[in-house]
Amino acid sequence: MMGTAGGRSYDVQLTRIADGGVVAGFAGKREYLPGEGGTWRYGDFEVGLEIVLDGVEKAIELKFENNDFTAHALPADFSLQGEEFPEGLLSNLELQAERETAEGVVNDEITGWTGTLSLAMDMGTADGECLVPDGMIGGYVVAQNGAESLVISFTVPVTEYEKDE
């Protein structure tokens, strides 16, 4: 992840997370929403990174939403916009960044991004309800928010899912 968001510069490049020594957590999460006839639709996924640099804890979470990501064959490009759970080849991006400072914990939530989410991989093993609690999600993001911009590449193991009833 490289660029600027919320007035802060980002240059996070972790190519070998297992060897990094600073990574406290790196995981993906899928969230399912009620669908028609008692089914579930895959409405969002999150990519979370927790690191410790020089004794300071930092966390970055990326959240992407769509009406149903399974309705689109991959690879697929989703245009970023502000609506929640949009239909078609649209998504939104919320960046949440948390860090410790001398004054306490600072938490930024930044929305309003435009650009593209290129989703290349979303795999795993479906359970009896067609929910996928494991696997991997991979993609690439080029995003703009006013004068700020980000470029993000990720391949993340999925470690959990949630049903939003």
N, C-alpha and C. Protein backbone atom coordinates (compact mmCIF):
# COMPACT_ATOMS: atom_id res chain seq x y z
N MET A 1 0.86 -1.17 0.00
CA MET A 1 0.00 0.00 0.00
C MET A 1 0.90 1.22 0.00
N MET A 2 0.69 2.08 -0.99
CA MET A 2 1.48 3.30 -1.08
C MET A 2 0.56 4.45 -1.45
N GLY A 3 0.84 5.62 -0.88
CA GLY A 3 0.08 6.82 -1.21
C GLY A 3 -0.21 7.65 0.01
N THR A 4 -1.28 8.44 -0.08
CA THR A 4 -1.68 9.29 1.03
C THR A 4 -3.17 9.13 1.30
N ALA A 5 -3.53 9.23 2.58
CA ALA A 5 -4.93 9.16 3.01
C ALA A 5 -5.05 9.86 4.35
N GLY A 6 -6.03 10.73 4.48
CA GLY A 6 -6.23 11.43 5.74
C GLY A 6 -5.06 12.32 6.12
N GLY A 7 -4.35 12.83 5.11
CA GLY A 7 -3.20 13.67 5.37
C GLY A 7 -1.95 12.93 5.79
N ARG A 8 -1.97 11.60 5.76
CA ARG A 8 -0.82 10.80 6.15
C ARG A 8 -0.27 10.02 4.95
N SER A 9 1.04 9.88 4.92
CA SER A 9 1.68 9.09 3.87
C SER A 9 1.73 7.63 4.28
N TYR A 10 1.53 6.76 3.30
CA TYR A 10 1.61 5.32 3.53
C TYR A 10 2.63 4.72 2.57
N ASP A 11 3.49 3.88 3.12
CA ASP A 11 4.44 3.10 2.33
C ASP A 11 4.59 1.78 3.07
N VAL A 12 3.61 0.90 2.88
CA VAL A 12 3.57 -0.39 3.56
C VAL A 12 3.84 -1.46 2.51
N GLN A 13 5.02 -2.07 2.59
CA GLN A 13 5.41 -3.09 1.63
C GLN A 13 5.90 -4.30 2.40
N LEU A 14 5.06 -5.29 2.49
CA LEU A 14 5.39 -6.52 3.20
C LEU A 14 5.22 -7.68 2.24
N THR A 15 6.32 -8.15 1.70
CA THR A 15 6.25 -9.21 0.69
C THR A 15 6.39 -10.60 1.29
N ARG A 16 6.99 -10.69 2.46
CA ARG A 16 7.15 -11.99 3.12
C ARG A 16 6.70 -11.84 4.56
N ILE A 17 5.39 -11.84 4.74
CA ILE A 17 4.82 -11.55 6.06
C ILE A 17 5.31 -12.51 7.13
N ALA A 18 5.46 -13.77 6.80
CA ALA A 18 5.90 -14.75 7.80
C ALA A 18 7.29 -14.42 8.35
N ASP A 19 8.12 -13.76 7.53
CA ASP A 19 9.48 -13.43 7.95
C ASP A 19 9.62 -12.00 8.48
N GLY A 20 8.52 -11.22 8.46
CA GLY A 20 8.59 -9.80 8.75
C GLY A 20 8.93 -9.43 10.17
N GLY A 21 8.49 -10.18 11.16
CA GLY A 21 8.78 -9.87 12.54
C GLY A 21 7.97 -8.72 13.11
N VAL A 22 7.39 -7.86 12.27
CA VAL A 22 6.61 -6.73 12.75
C VAL A 22 5.10 -6.98 12.61
N VAL A 23 4.72 -8.01 11.89
CA VAL A 23 3.31 -8.26 11.63
C VAL A 23 2.68 -9.03 12.79
N ALA A 24 1.70 -8.39 13.42
CA ALA A 24 0.97 -9.04 14.51
C ALA A 24 -0.25 -9.78 13.98
N GLY A 25 -0.77 -9.37 12.82
CA GLY A 25 -1.93 -10.04 12.23
C GLY A 25 -2.16 -9.58 10.80
N PHE A 26 -2.56 -10.50 9.95
CA PHE A 26 -2.91 -10.20 8.57
C PHE A 26 -3.97 -11.20 8.17
N ALA A 27 -5.20 -10.73 7.94
CA ALA A 27 -6.29 -11.66 7.68
C ALA A 27 -7.41 -10.99 6.91
N GLY A 28 -8.18 -11.82 6.22
CA GLY A 28 -9.36 -11.37 5.51
C GLY A 28 -10.61 -11.91 6.18
N LYS A 29 -11.72 -11.23 5.93
CA LYS A 29 -13.01 -11.62 6.50
C LYS A 29 -14.08 -11.36 5.45
N ARG A 30 -15.00 -12.32 5.29
CA ARG A 30 -16.15 -12.15 4.42
C ARG A 30 -17.38 -11.89 5.27
N GLU A 31 -18.30 -11.06 4.76
CA GLU A 31 -19.56 -10.82 5.47
C GLU A 31 -20.71 -11.11 4.52
N TYR A 32 -21.67 -11.84 5.05
CA TYR A 32 -22.83 -12.25 4.26
C TYR A 32 -24.08 -11.54 4.77
N LEU A 33 -24.94 -11.17 3.82
CA LEU A 33 -26.18 -10.46 4.10
C LEU A 33 -27.36 -11.35 3.72
N PRO A 34 -28.52 -11.16 4.36
CA PRO A 34 -29.69 -11.97 4.00
C PRO A 34 -30.05 -11.79 2.53
N GLY A 35 -30.31 -12.92 1.86
CA GLY A 35 -30.73 -12.90 0.47
C GLY A 35 -32.18 -13.36 0.36
N GLU A 36 -32.58 -13.68 -0.83
CA GLU A 36 -33.95 -14.13 -1.06
C GLU A 36 -34.12 -15.59 -0.68
N GLY A 37 -35.27 -15.93 -0.13
CA GLY A 37 -35.60 -17.32 0.17
C GLY A 37 -34.70 -17.98 1.19
N GLY A 38 -34.20 -17.22 2.15
CA GLY A 38 -33.36 -17.79 3.19
C GLY A 38 -31.91 -18.01 2.80
N THR A 39 -31.52 -17.48 1.64
CA THR A 39 -30.13 -17.62 1.20
C THR A 39 -29.29 -16.46 1.74
N TRP A 40 -28.01 -16.52 1.46
CA TRP A 40 -27.09 -15.46 1.88
C TRP A 40 -26.39 -14.91 0.67
N ARG A 41 -26.16 -13.61 0.66
CA ARG A 41 -25.38 -12.99 -0.41
C ARG A 41 -24.10 -12.41 0.18
N TYR A 42 -23.05 -12.47 -0.58
CA TYR A 42 -21.71 -12.09 -0.16
C TYR A 42 -21.56 -10.58 -0.38
N GLY A 43 -21.81 -9.80 0.67
CA GLY A 43 -21.91 -8.34 0.56
C GLY A 43 -20.64 -7.56 0.82
N ASP A 44 -19.69 -8.10 1.58
CA ASP A 44 -18.45 -7.35 1.75
C ASP A 44 -17.31 -8.24 2.19
N PHE A 45 -16.11 -7.72 1.98
CA PHE A 45 -14.93 -8.37 2.52
C PHE A 45 -14.00 -7.31 3.09
N GLU A 46 -13.23 -7.74 4.06
CA GLU A 46 -12.30 -6.84 4.74
C GLU A 46 -10.90 -7.44 4.69
N VAL A 47 -9.92 -6.56 4.58
CA VAL A 47 -8.51 -6.92 4.64
C VAL A 47 -7.94 -6.18 5.83
N GLY A 48 -7.42 -6.90 6.82
CA GLY A 48 -6.89 -6.27 8.02
C GLY A 48 -5.42 -6.57 8.24
N LEU A 49 -4.66 -5.54 8.61
CA LEU A 49 -3.24 -5.68 8.90
C LEU A 49 -2.95 -5.00 10.22
N GLU A 50 -2.29 -5.73 11.12
CA GLU A 50 -1.84 -5.18 12.39
C GLU A 50 -0.32 -5.33 12.46
N ILE A 51 0.38 -4.22 12.70
CA ILE A 51 1.83 -4.25 12.77
C ILE A 51 2.32 -3.53 14.03
N VAL A 52 3.53 -3.84 14.42
CA VAL A 52 4.18 -3.16 15.54
C VAL A 52 5.52 -2.66 15.01
N LEU A 53 5.67 -1.33 14.96
CA LEU A 53 6.91 -0.70 14.49
C LEU A 53 7.49 0.14 15.62
N ASP A 54 8.69 -0.17 16.02
CA ASP A 54 9.36 0.56 17.10
C ASP A 54 8.48 0.63 18.35
N GLY A 55 7.79 -0.47 18.65
CA GLY A 55 6.96 -0.54 19.83
C GLY A 55 5.60 0.13 19.71
N VAL A 56 5.28 0.67 18.54
CA VAL A 56 4.00 1.35 18.32
C VAL A 56 3.08 0.45 17.50
N GLU A 57 1.89 0.19 18.04
CA GLU A 57 0.91 -0.64 17.34
C GLU A 57 0.16 0.20 16.31
N LYS A 58 -0.01 -0.38 15.12
CA LYS A 58 -0.75 0.27 14.05
C LYS A 58 -1.64 -0.78 13.39
N ALA A 59 -2.81 -0.34 12.95
CA ALA A 59 -3.73 -1.24 12.26
C ALA A 59 -4.31 -0.53 11.05
N ILE A 60 -4.44 -1.27 9.96
CA ILE A 60 -5.06 -0.77 8.74
C ILE A 60 -6.12 -1.78 8.34
N GLU A 61 -7.33 -1.28 8.05
CA GLU A 61 -8.40 -2.16 7.58
C GLU A 61 -9.00 -1.55 6.33
N LEU A 62 -9.13 -2.38 5.31
CA LEU A 62 -9.78 -2.00 4.06
C LEU A 62 -11.09 -2.77 3.98
N LYS A 63 -12.18 -2.07 3.69
CA LYS A 63 -13.48 -2.73 3.59
C LYS A 63 -14.09 -2.39 2.23
N PHE A 64 -14.53 -3.44 1.51
CA PHE A 64 -15.14 -3.29 0.20
C PHE A 64 -16.54 -3.89 0.24
N GLU A 65 -17.51 -3.21 -0.39
CA GLU A 65 -18.91 -3.69 -0.38
C GLU A 65 -19.46 -3.77 -1.80
N ASN A 66 -20.35 -4.75 -2.00
CA ASN A 66 -21.09 -4.93 -3.24
C ASN A 66 -22.38 -5.64 -2.86
N ASN A 67 -23.42 -5.51 -3.67
CA ASN A 67 -24.68 -6.19 -3.37
C ASN A 67 -24.47 -7.70 -3.24
N ASP A 68 -23.63 -8.27 -4.11
CA ASP A 68 -23.30 -9.70 -4.03
C ASP A 68 -22.08 -9.97 -4.90
N PHE A 69 -20.92 -10.07 -4.27
CA PHE A 69 -19.69 -10.30 -5.02
C PHE A 69 -19.73 -11.60 -5.82
N THR A 70 -20.50 -12.61 -5.38
CA THR A 70 -20.55 -13.87 -6.12
C THR A 70 -21.29 -13.76 -7.45
N ALA A 71 -21.98 -12.65 -7.69
CA ALA A 71 -22.71 -12.45 -8.95
C ALA A 71 -21.77 -12.09 -10.10
N HIS A 72 -20.47 -11.93 -9.83
CA HIS A 72 -19.53 -11.46 -10.84
C HIS A 72 -18.38 -12.46 -11.01
N ALA A 73 -18.19 -12.92 -12.23
CA ALA A 73 -17.09 -13.84 -12.52
C ALA A 73 -15.77 -13.09 -12.39
N LEU A 74 -14.78 -13.77 -11.83
CA LEU A 74 -13.46 -13.16 -11.65
C LEU A 74 -12.52 -13.61 -12.75
N PRO A 75 -11.57 -12.80 -13.12
CA PRO A 75 -11.27 -11.48 -12.58
C PRO A 75 -12.33 -10.46 -13.01
N ALA A 76 -12.53 -9.44 -12.15
CA ALA A 76 -13.52 -8.39 -12.42
C ALA A 76 -13.02 -7.06 -11.88
N ASP A 77 -13.36 -6.00 -12.60
CA ASP A 77 -13.03 -4.64 -12.17
C ASP A 77 -14.29 -3.96 -11.66
N PHE A 78 -14.22 -3.46 -10.44
CA PHE A 78 -15.32 -2.76 -9.80
C PHE A 78 -14.96 -1.28 -9.70
N SER A 79 -15.82 -0.40 -10.18
CA SER A 79 -15.60 1.03 -10.04
C SER A 79 -15.94 1.45 -8.62
N LEU A 80 -15.02 2.17 -7.99
CA LEU A 80 -15.24 2.65 -6.62
C LEU A 80 -16.13 3.89 -6.63
N GLN A 81 -17.06 3.94 -5.69
CA GLN A 81 -18.00 5.04 -5.54
C GLN A 81 -18.48 5.04 -4.10
N GLY A 82 -19.39 5.91 -3.70
CA GLY A 82 -19.74 6.07 -2.30
C GLY A 82 -20.93 5.28 -1.78
N GLU A 83 -21.74 4.71 -2.64
CA GLU A 83 -22.96 4.01 -2.20
C GLU A 83 -22.61 2.71 -1.48
N GLU A 84 -23.38 2.39 -0.44
CA GLU A 84 -23.19 1.12 0.26
C GLU A 84 -23.87 -0.01 -0.51
N PHE A 85 -23.22 -1.15 -0.59
CA PHE A 85 -23.71 -2.37 -1.23
C PHE A 85 -24.32 -2.11 -2.61
N PRO A 86 -23.56 -1.47 -3.51
CA PRO A 86 -24.09 -1.17 -4.83
C PRO A 86 -24.23 -2.43 -5.69
N GLU A 87 -25.13 -2.38 -6.64
CA GLU A 87 -25.32 -3.49 -7.56
C GLU A 87 -24.42 -3.30 -8.78
N GLY A 88 -24.16 -4.40 -9.48
CA GLY A 88 -23.34 -4.34 -10.68
C GLY A 88 -21.86 -4.32 -10.34
N LEU A 89 -21.05 -3.87 -11.28
CA LEU A 89 -19.60 -3.84 -11.11
C LEU A 89 -19.17 -2.55 -10.42
N LEU A 90 -19.73 -2.35 -9.23
CA LEU A 90 -19.44 -1.19 -8.39
C LEU A 90 -19.09 -1.66 -6.99
N SER A 91 -18.27 -0.90 -6.30
CA SER A 91 -17.93 -1.18 -4.91
C SER A 91 -17.63 0.14 -4.24
N ASN A 92 -17.50 0.10 -2.95
CA ASN A 92 -16.99 1.25 -2.24
C ASN A 92 -15.75 0.80 -1.48
N LEU A 93 -15.02 1.76 -0.96
CA LEU A 93 -13.82 1.49 -0.18
C LEU A 93 -13.87 2.35 1.06
N GLU A 94 -13.72 1.70 2.21
CA GLU A 94 -13.55 2.42 3.46
C GLU A 94 -12.18 2.02 4.01
N LEU A 95 -11.36 3.01 4.28
CA LEU A 95 -10.05 2.80 4.87
C LEU A 95 -10.12 3.22 6.33
N GLN A 96 -9.78 2.30 7.21
CA GLN A 96 -9.72 2.62 8.64
C GLN A 96 -8.27 2.40 9.08
N ALA A 97 -7.68 3.45 9.66
CA ALA A 97 -6.30 3.37 10.13
C ALA A 97 -6.27 3.77 11.61
N GLU A 98 -5.66 2.93 12.42
CA GLU A 98 -5.58 3.18 13.87
C GLU A 98 -4.13 3.09 14.30
N ARG A 99 -3.73 4.03 15.16
CA ARG A 99 -2.36 4.01 15.66
C ARG A 99 -2.33 4.62 17.05
N GLU A 100 -1.33 4.22 17.81
CA GLU A 100 -1.11 4.77 19.14
C GLU A 100 -0.24 6.02 19.03
N THR A 101 -0.58 7.05 19.82
CA THR A 101 0.25 8.24 19.91
C THR A 101 0.45 8.55 21.39
N ALA A 102 1.25 9.55 21.68
CA ALA A 102 1.46 9.95 23.08
C ALA A 102 0.15 10.41 23.72
N GLU A 103 -0.77 10.94 22.92
CA GLU A 103 -2.06 11.42 23.42
C GLU A 103 -3.11 10.31 23.54
N GLY A 104 -2.86 9.15 22.95
CA GLY A 104 -3.82 8.05 22.97
C GLY A 104 -3.95 7.43 21.59
N VAL A 105 -5.03 6.72 21.38
CA VAL A 105 -5.28 6.03 20.12
C VAL A 105 -5.98 6.98 19.15
N VAL A 106 -5.47 7.04 17.93
CA VAL A 106 -6.07 7.85 16.86
C VAL A 106 -6.68 6.89 15.85
N ASN A 107 -7.92 7.15 15.46
CA ASN A 107 -8.62 6.28 14.53
C ASN A 107 -9.18 7.12 13.40
N ASP A 108 -8.71 6.89 12.17
CA ASP A 108 -9.22 7.58 10.98
C ASP A 108 -10.10 6.62 10.19
N GLU A 109 -11.28 7.09 9.78
CA GLU A 109 -12.13 6.34 8.85
C GLU A 109 -12.32 7.22 7.64
N ILE A 110 -11.85 6.76 6.49
CA ILE A 110 -11.86 7.58 5.29
C ILE A 110 -12.68 6.88 4.21
N THR A 111 -13.71 7.57 3.74
CA THR A 111 -14.57 7.07 2.68
C THR A 111 -14.54 8.09 1.53
N GLY A 112 -15.33 7.86 0.52
CA GLY A 112 -15.42 8.80 -0.59
C GLY A 112 -14.40 8.56 -1.68
N TRP A 113 -13.86 7.35 -1.77
CA TRP A 113 -12.84 7.03 -2.77
C TRP A 113 -13.47 6.76 -4.13
N THR A 114 -12.78 7.14 -5.17
CA THR A 114 -13.12 6.75 -6.54
C THR A 114 -11.92 5.98 -7.08
N GLY A 115 -12.12 5.30 -8.19
CA GLY A 115 -11.04 4.52 -8.78
C GLY A 115 -11.52 3.13 -9.12
N THR A 116 -10.64 2.14 -8.96
CA THR A 116 -10.97 0.77 -9.37
C THR A 116 -10.45 -0.25 -8.37
N LEU A 117 -11.30 -1.21 -8.04
CA LEU A 117 -10.92 -2.43 -7.34
C LEU A 117 -10.88 -3.53 -8.39
N SER A 118 -9.71 -4.08 -8.64
CA SER A 118 -9.57 -5.22 -9.56
C SER A 118 -9.48 -6.47 -8.68
N LEU A 119 -10.54 -7.24 -8.65
CA LEU A 119 -10.59 -8.44 -7.83
C LEU A 119 -10.20 -9.63 -8.70
N ALA A 120 -9.05 -10.22 -8.39
CA ALA A 120 -8.50 -11.29 -9.23
C ALA A 120 -8.75 -12.68 -8.66
N MET A 121 -8.85 -12.78 -7.33
CA MET A 121 -8.97 -14.10 -6.71
C MET A 121 -9.89 -14.00 -5.50
N ASP A 122 -10.80 -14.94 -5.40
CA ASP A 122 -11.65 -15.09 -4.22
C ASP A 122 -12.05 -16.55 -4.18
N MET A 123 -11.29 -17.32 -3.40
CA MET A 123 -11.50 -18.76 -3.40
C MET A 123 -11.59 -19.30 -1.98
N GLY A 124 -12.16 -20.47 -1.86
CA GLY A 124 -12.30 -21.13 -0.58
C GLY A 124 -13.30 -22.27 -0.72
N THR A 125 -13.61 -22.93 0.39
CA THR A 125 -14.50 -24.07 0.38
C THR A 125 -15.83 -23.69 1.02
N ALA A 126 -16.90 -23.82 0.24
CA ALA A 126 -18.23 -23.46 0.74
C ALA A 126 -18.73 -24.50 1.73
N ASP A 127 -19.44 -24.02 2.76
CA ASP A 127 -20.05 -24.93 3.72
C ASP A 127 -21.47 -25.27 3.27
N GLY A 128 -22.27 -25.89 4.12
CA GLY A 128 -23.62 -26.32 3.79
C GLY A 128 -24.58 -25.20 3.45
N GLU A 129 -24.28 -23.98 3.89
CA GLU A 129 -25.12 -22.81 3.57
C GLU A 129 -24.55 -22.00 2.41
N CYS A 130 -23.54 -22.53 1.72
CA CYS A 130 -22.84 -21.86 0.62
C CYS A 130 -22.07 -20.63 1.10
N LEU A 131 -21.65 -20.62 2.37
CA LEU A 131 -20.81 -19.58 2.92
C LEU A 131 -19.37 -20.08 2.90
N VAL A 132 -18.41 -19.19 2.69
CA VAL A 132 -17.02 -19.59 2.53
C VAL A 132 -16.19 -18.99 3.67
N PRO A 133 -15.86 -19.81 4.68
CA PRO A 133 -15.15 -19.30 5.84
C PRO A 133 -13.63 -19.31 5.73
N ASP A 134 -13.09 -19.74 4.60
CA ASP A 134 -11.64 -19.90 4.47
C ASP A 134 -11.19 -19.45 3.09
N GLY A 135 -9.98 -19.80 2.71
CA GLY A 135 -9.48 -19.51 1.38
C GLY A 135 -8.62 -18.27 1.31
N MET A 136 -8.62 -17.65 0.14
CA MET A 136 -7.79 -16.47 -0.12
C MET A 136 -8.57 -15.47 -0.96
N ILE A 137 -8.27 -14.18 -0.74
CA ILE A 137 -8.80 -13.09 -1.56
C ILE A 137 -7.61 -12.27 -2.04
N GLY A 138 -7.58 -11.95 -3.33
CA GLY A 138 -6.49 -11.17 -3.87
C GLY A 138 -6.98 -10.13 -4.85
N GLY A 139 -6.36 -8.96 -4.79
CA GLY A 139 -6.76 -7.91 -5.71
C GLY A 139 -5.80 -6.75 -5.72
N TYR A 140 -6.22 -5.72 -6.44
CA TYR A 140 -5.40 -4.54 -6.66
C TYR A 140 -6.34 -3.34 -6.68
N VAL A 141 -5.94 -2.25 -6.04
CA VAL A 141 -6.77 -1.06 -5.95
C VAL A 141 -5.97 0.16 -6.38
N VAL A 142 -6.58 0.98 -7.20
CA VAL A 142 -6.07 2.31 -7.51
C VAL A 142 -7.19 3.26 -7.11
N ALA A 143 -6.94 4.11 -6.10
CA ALA A 143 -8.01 4.93 -5.55
C ALA A 143 -7.60 6.38 -5.41
N GLN A 144 -8.58 7.26 -5.58
CA GLN A 144 -8.37 8.70 -5.49
C GLN A 144 -9.44 9.27 -4.56
N ASN A 145 -9.03 10.23 -3.73
CA ASN A 145 -9.96 10.92 -2.84
C ASN A 145 -9.49 12.37 -2.76
N GLY A 146 -10.04 13.23 -3.63
CA GLY A 146 -9.54 14.59 -3.73
C GLY A 146 -8.11 14.57 -4.23
N ALA A 147 -7.21 15.22 -3.50
CA ALA A 147 -5.79 15.27 -3.88
C ALA A 147 -5.03 14.05 -3.39
N GLU A 148 -5.66 13.18 -2.63
CA GLU A 148 -4.98 12.00 -2.08
C GLU A 148 -5.22 10.78 -2.97
N SER A 149 -4.24 9.89 -2.97
CA SER A 149 -4.38 8.68 -3.78
C SER A 149 -3.67 7.51 -3.11
N LEU A 150 -4.14 6.32 -3.42
CA LEU A 150 -3.56 5.08 -2.90
C LEU A 150 -3.45 4.05 -4.02
N VAL A 151 -2.42 3.23 -3.93
CA VAL A 151 -2.27 2.04 -4.75
C VAL A 151 -2.07 0.90 -3.76
N ILE A 152 -2.91 -0.13 -3.88
CA ILE A 152 -2.90 -1.23 -2.90
C ILE A 152 -2.94 -2.56 -3.64
N SER A 153 -2.10 -3.47 -3.23
CA SER A 153 -2.12 -4.82 -3.74
C SER A 153 -2.22 -5.76 -2.54
N PHE A 154 -3.07 -6.77 -2.62
CA PHE A 154 -3.21 -7.68 -1.48
C PHE A 154 -3.55 -9.09 -1.94
N THR A 155 -3.02 -10.04 -1.20
CA THR A 155 -3.43 -11.44 -1.26
C THR A 155 -3.48 -11.87 0.19
N VAL A 156 -4.67 -12.13 0.69
CA VAL A 156 -4.87 -12.30 2.12
C VAL A 156 -5.60 -13.62 2.42
N PRO A 157 -5.15 -14.34 3.45
CA PRO A 157 -5.89 -15.54 3.86
C PRO A 157 -7.17 -15.15 4.59
N VAL A 158 -8.25 -15.81 4.27
CA VAL A 158 -9.52 -15.57 4.96
C VAL A 158 -9.55 -16.44 6.21
N THR A 159 -9.76 -15.82 7.35
CA THR A 159 -9.75 -16.55 8.62
C THR A 159 -11.10 -16.56 9.32
N GLU A 160 -12.08 -15.79 8.79
CA GLU A 160 -13.40 -15.78 9.42
C GLU A 160 -14.45 -15.26 8.46
N TYR A 161 -15.70 -15.48 8.83
CA TYR A 161 -16.81 -14.89 8.12
C TYR A 161 -17.88 -14.54 9.15
N GLU A 162 -18.81 -13.70 8.70
CA GLU A 162 -19.87 -13.25 9.60
C GLU A 162 -21.17 -13.17 8.83
N LYS A 163 -22.25 -13.56 9.47
CA LYS A 163 -23.59 -13.40 8.91
C LYS A 163 -24.19 -12.17 9.55
N ASP A 164 -24.54 -11.18 8.74
CA ASP A 164 -25.14 -9.95 9.23
C ASP A 164 -26.66 -10.10 9.13
N GLU A 165 -27.25 -10.50 10.23
CA GLU A 165 -28.68 -10.79 10.21
C GLU A 165 -29.39 -9.53 10.53
